[in-house]
N, C-alpha and C. Protein backbone atom coordinates (compact mmCIF):
# COMPACT_ATOMS: atom_id res chain seq x y z
N MET A 1 -9.55 77.62 57.45
CA MET A 1 -9.45 76.21 57.80
C MET A 1 -10.76 75.83 58.49
N GLY A 2 -11.37 74.74 58.03
CA GLY A 2 -12.62 74.28 58.62
C GLY A 2 -12.39 73.73 60.02
N GLU A 3 -13.48 73.61 60.76
CA GLU A 3 -13.38 73.12 62.14
C GLU A 3 -12.78 71.72 62.20
N GLU A 4 -13.19 70.83 61.29
CA GLU A 4 -12.67 69.47 61.27
C GLU A 4 -11.18 69.46 60.96
N THR A 5 -10.75 70.28 60.01
CA THR A 5 -9.34 70.37 59.66
C THR A 5 -8.54 70.96 60.82
N SER A 6 -9.10 71.95 61.46
CA SER A 6 -8.43 72.56 62.61
C SER A 6 -8.24 71.56 63.74
N GLU A 7 -9.24 70.73 63.99
CA GLU A 7 -9.13 69.71 65.03
C GLU A 7 -8.10 68.66 64.66
N LEU A 8 -8.05 68.28 63.36
CA LEU A 8 -7.05 67.33 62.88
C LEU A 8 -5.64 67.90 63.09
N ALA A 9 -5.47 69.18 62.75
CA ALA A 9 -4.17 69.82 62.91
C ALA A 9 -3.76 69.87 64.37
N GLU A 10 -4.66 70.26 65.22
CA GLU A 10 -4.37 70.35 66.65
C GLU A 10 -3.98 68.98 67.21
N ARG A 11 -4.74 67.98 66.86
CA ARG A 11 -4.46 66.61 67.34
C ARG A 11 -3.13 66.11 66.76
N GLY A 12 -2.89 66.35 65.48
CA GLY A 12 -1.65 65.93 64.84
C GLY A 12 -0.43 66.56 65.48
N GLU A 13 -0.51 67.85 65.77
CA GLU A 13 0.62 68.55 66.41
C GLU A 13 0.85 68.04 67.83
N GLU A 14 -0.22 67.77 68.55
CA GLU A 14 -0.10 67.25 69.92
C GLU A 14 0.58 65.88 69.90
N ILE A 15 0.18 65.01 68.98
CA ILE A 15 0.79 63.69 68.86
C ILE A 15 2.25 63.83 68.44
N PHE A 16 2.53 64.75 67.52
CA PHE A 16 3.91 64.96 67.08
C PHE A 16 4.80 65.29 68.27
N GLU A 17 4.39 66.25 69.08
CA GLU A 17 5.21 66.67 70.22
C GLU A 17 5.38 65.57 71.26
N ARG A 18 4.33 64.83 71.52
CA ARG A 18 4.35 63.83 72.58
C ARG A 18 4.95 62.49 72.15
N VAL A 19 4.64 62.05 70.92
CA VAL A 19 5.01 60.70 70.48
C VAL A 19 6.17 60.70 69.49
N VAL A 20 6.08 61.56 68.48
CA VAL A 20 7.04 61.51 67.37
C VAL A 20 8.36 62.19 67.71
N ARG A 21 8.32 63.43 68.18
CA ARG A 21 9.56 64.19 68.39
C ARG A 21 10.60 63.44 69.21
N PRO A 22 10.23 62.73 70.29
CA PRO A 22 11.25 62.00 71.06
C PRO A 22 11.91 60.86 70.28
N GLN A 23 11.31 60.46 69.15
CA GLN A 23 11.83 59.31 68.40
C GLN A 23 12.55 59.68 67.10
N VAL A 24 12.55 60.95 66.72
CA VAL A 24 13.21 61.33 65.47
C VAL A 24 14.56 61.96 65.76
N GLU A 25 15.43 61.88 64.77
CA GLU A 25 16.80 62.38 64.88
C GLU A 25 16.93 63.73 64.18
N ASP A 26 17.99 64.46 64.53
CA ASP A 26 18.23 65.75 63.89
C ASP A 26 18.35 65.63 62.37
N GLU A 27 18.95 64.54 61.90
CA GLU A 27 19.13 64.39 60.46
C GLU A 27 17.81 64.11 59.73
N ASP A 28 16.73 63.88 60.46
CA ASP A 28 15.42 63.68 59.86
C ASP A 28 14.70 65.00 59.59
N GLY A 29 15.33 66.11 59.90
CA GLY A 29 14.68 67.42 59.86
C GLY A 29 13.92 67.76 58.61
N ARG A 30 14.42 67.41 57.44
CA ARG A 30 13.74 67.76 56.18
C ARG A 30 12.75 66.69 55.74
N LYS A 31 12.65 65.61 56.48
CA LYS A 31 11.74 64.53 56.11
C LYS A 31 10.31 64.85 56.55
N TYR A 32 9.37 64.13 55.94
CA TYR A 32 7.97 64.27 56.28
C TYR A 32 7.57 63.26 57.34
N VAL A 33 6.61 63.65 58.15
CA VAL A 33 5.99 62.75 59.11
C VAL A 33 4.52 62.64 58.72
N ALA A 34 4.04 61.42 58.59
CA ALA A 34 2.62 61.15 58.37
C ALA A 34 2.10 60.54 59.66
N ILE A 35 1.13 61.17 60.29
CA ILE A 35 0.61 60.73 61.59
C ILE A 35 -0.86 60.35 61.45
N ASP A 36 -1.18 59.12 61.85
CA ASP A 36 -2.58 58.69 61.94
C ASP A 36 -3.08 59.21 63.28
N VAL A 37 -3.97 60.20 63.25
CA VAL A 37 -4.39 60.84 64.50
C VAL A 37 -5.27 59.95 65.37
N GLU A 38 -5.78 58.86 64.83
CA GLU A 38 -6.58 57.96 65.65
C GLU A 38 -5.70 56.95 66.38
N SER A 39 -4.81 56.28 65.66
CA SER A 39 -3.97 55.24 66.28
C SER A 39 -2.70 55.82 66.91
N GLU A 40 -2.33 57.04 66.53
CA GLU A 40 -1.10 57.71 66.94
C GLU A 40 0.15 57.05 66.37
N ASP A 41 -0.03 56.19 65.37
CA ASP A 41 1.08 55.58 64.66
C ASP A 41 1.58 56.60 63.64
N PHE A 42 2.83 56.46 63.21
CA PHE A 42 3.39 57.42 62.26
C PHE A 42 4.45 56.78 61.39
N GLU A 43 4.78 57.46 60.32
CA GLU A 43 5.86 57.08 59.41
C GLU A 43 6.66 58.32 59.08
N VAL A 44 7.96 58.16 58.91
CA VAL A 44 8.86 59.24 58.54
C VAL A 44 9.55 58.85 57.24
N ASP A 45 9.58 59.76 56.27
CA ASP A 45 10.22 59.48 54.99
C ASP A 45 10.51 60.79 54.28
N ALA A 46 11.52 60.79 53.43
CA ALA A 46 11.81 61.97 52.61
C ALA A 46 10.71 62.20 51.58
N ASN A 47 9.96 61.15 51.26
CA ASN A 47 8.87 61.22 50.30
C ASN A 47 7.54 61.15 51.06
N GLN A 48 6.77 62.22 50.99
CA GLN A 48 5.50 62.30 51.73
C GLN A 48 4.55 61.18 51.33
N ARG A 49 4.47 60.90 50.06
CA ARG A 49 3.55 59.87 49.56
C ARG A 49 3.96 58.48 50.07
N ALA A 50 5.28 58.20 50.11
CA ALA A 50 5.76 56.90 50.60
C ALA A 50 5.42 56.73 52.08
N ALA A 51 5.58 57.80 52.86
CA ALA A 51 5.25 57.73 54.29
C ALA A 51 3.76 57.41 54.47
N ALA A 52 2.92 58.09 53.71
CA ALA A 52 1.47 57.86 53.82
C ALA A 52 1.11 56.45 53.38
N LYS A 53 1.73 55.98 52.31
CA LYS A 53 1.42 54.64 51.79
C LYS A 53 1.72 53.57 52.84
N ARG A 54 2.88 53.65 53.48
CA ARG A 54 3.23 52.66 54.51
C ARG A 54 2.28 52.74 55.69
N LEU A 55 1.89 53.94 56.07
CA LEU A 55 0.96 54.11 57.18
C LEU A 55 -0.40 53.50 56.86
N VAL A 56 -0.90 53.73 55.65
CA VAL A 56 -2.19 53.19 55.24
C VAL A 56 -2.12 51.67 55.08
N GLU A 57 -0.97 51.14 54.71
CA GLU A 57 -0.82 49.68 54.63
C GLU A 57 -1.03 49.04 56.00
N ARG A 58 -0.59 49.71 57.05
CA ARG A 58 -0.78 49.19 58.41
C ARG A 58 -2.14 49.52 58.99
N HIS A 59 -2.69 50.66 58.59
CA HIS A 59 -3.97 51.15 59.12
C HIS A 59 -4.85 51.55 57.94
N SER A 60 -5.57 50.60 57.40
CA SER A 60 -6.33 50.84 56.17
C SER A 60 -7.37 51.96 56.32
N GLY A 61 -7.83 52.21 57.51
CA GLY A 61 -8.80 53.28 57.72
C GLY A 61 -8.18 54.64 57.95
N ALA A 62 -6.88 54.75 57.82
CA ALA A 62 -6.18 56.00 58.15
C ALA A 62 -6.44 57.12 57.14
N GLN A 63 -6.78 56.79 55.91
CA GLN A 63 -7.02 57.84 54.92
C GLN A 63 -8.09 58.79 55.44
N GLY A 64 -7.81 60.07 55.34
CA GLY A 64 -8.74 61.07 55.83
C GLY A 64 -8.47 61.49 57.26
N ARG A 65 -7.56 60.80 57.92
CA ARG A 65 -7.22 61.19 59.30
C ARG A 65 -5.70 61.24 59.49
N ILE A 66 -4.97 61.52 58.41
CA ILE A 66 -3.51 61.62 58.47
C ILE A 66 -3.11 63.09 58.49
N TRP A 67 -2.24 63.42 59.43
CA TRP A 67 -1.70 64.78 59.53
C TRP A 67 -0.25 64.72 59.05
N PHE A 68 0.12 65.62 58.14
CA PHE A 68 1.48 65.69 57.60
C PHE A 68 2.18 66.93 58.12
N ARG A 69 3.47 66.77 58.35
CA ARG A 69 4.33 67.92 58.65
C ARG A 69 5.76 67.49 58.42
N ARG A 70 6.66 68.44 58.35
CA ARG A 70 8.08 68.12 58.31
C ARG A 70 8.56 67.97 59.74
N VAL A 71 9.59 67.17 59.93
CA VAL A 71 10.13 66.96 61.27
C VAL A 71 10.58 68.28 61.88
N SER A 72 11.28 69.10 61.10
CA SER A 72 11.86 70.33 61.64
C SER A 72 10.97 71.55 61.57
N SER A 73 9.79 71.43 60.99
CA SER A 73 8.93 72.59 60.82
C SER A 73 7.47 72.19 60.84
N HIS A 74 6.63 73.00 61.43
CA HIS A 74 5.20 72.70 61.42
C HIS A 74 4.59 72.98 60.06
N ILE A 75 5.35 73.63 59.18
CA ILE A 75 4.86 73.93 57.84
C ILE A 75 5.24 72.80 56.90
N THR A 76 4.25 72.20 56.28
CA THR A 76 4.50 71.15 55.31
C THR A 76 4.44 71.71 53.90
N HIS A 77 3.42 72.46 53.62
CA HIS A 77 3.26 73.04 52.29
C HIS A 77 3.19 74.54 52.42
N HIS A 78 3.86 75.20 51.51
CA HIS A 78 3.84 76.65 51.49
C HIS A 78 3.52 77.07 50.07
N PHE A 79 2.49 77.81 49.89
CA PHE A 79 2.13 78.30 48.58
C PHE A 79 2.43 79.79 48.54
N SER A 80 3.06 80.21 47.49
CA SER A 80 3.36 81.63 47.39
C SER A 80 3.14 82.08 45.94
N GLY A 81 3.07 83.33 45.80
CA GLY A 81 2.89 83.88 44.45
C GLY A 81 2.83 85.38 44.54
N ARG A 82 2.69 85.99 43.41
CA ARG A 82 2.59 87.45 43.38
C ARG A 82 1.14 87.84 43.20
N PRO A 83 0.74 88.92 43.83
CA PRO A 83 -0.61 89.42 43.57
C PRO A 83 -0.73 89.80 42.09
N ARG A 84 -1.89 89.58 41.53
CA ARG A 84 -2.10 89.98 40.14
C ARG A 84 -2.32 91.47 40.06
N ALA A 85 -1.78 92.07 39.03
CA ALA A 85 -1.90 93.53 38.87
C ALA A 85 -3.24 93.89 38.29
């Protein structure tokens, strides 16, 4: 992970804990959170793309500074596979 990405992740997680977590419900657990790390505004939706679209509609400069995660897990994307023989 590059330094810029690492800083985005750190800032996104800090905002999630401080701003987002107190406002989400248990039933939102599988939904995505899109966080604009500059404005600290966020959107929650079952569809990651829909959450990002609404956030960018409000903050046109948010592209490139959005941190995604699931409400119930810090892992948003998991890639897996088998090693090649």
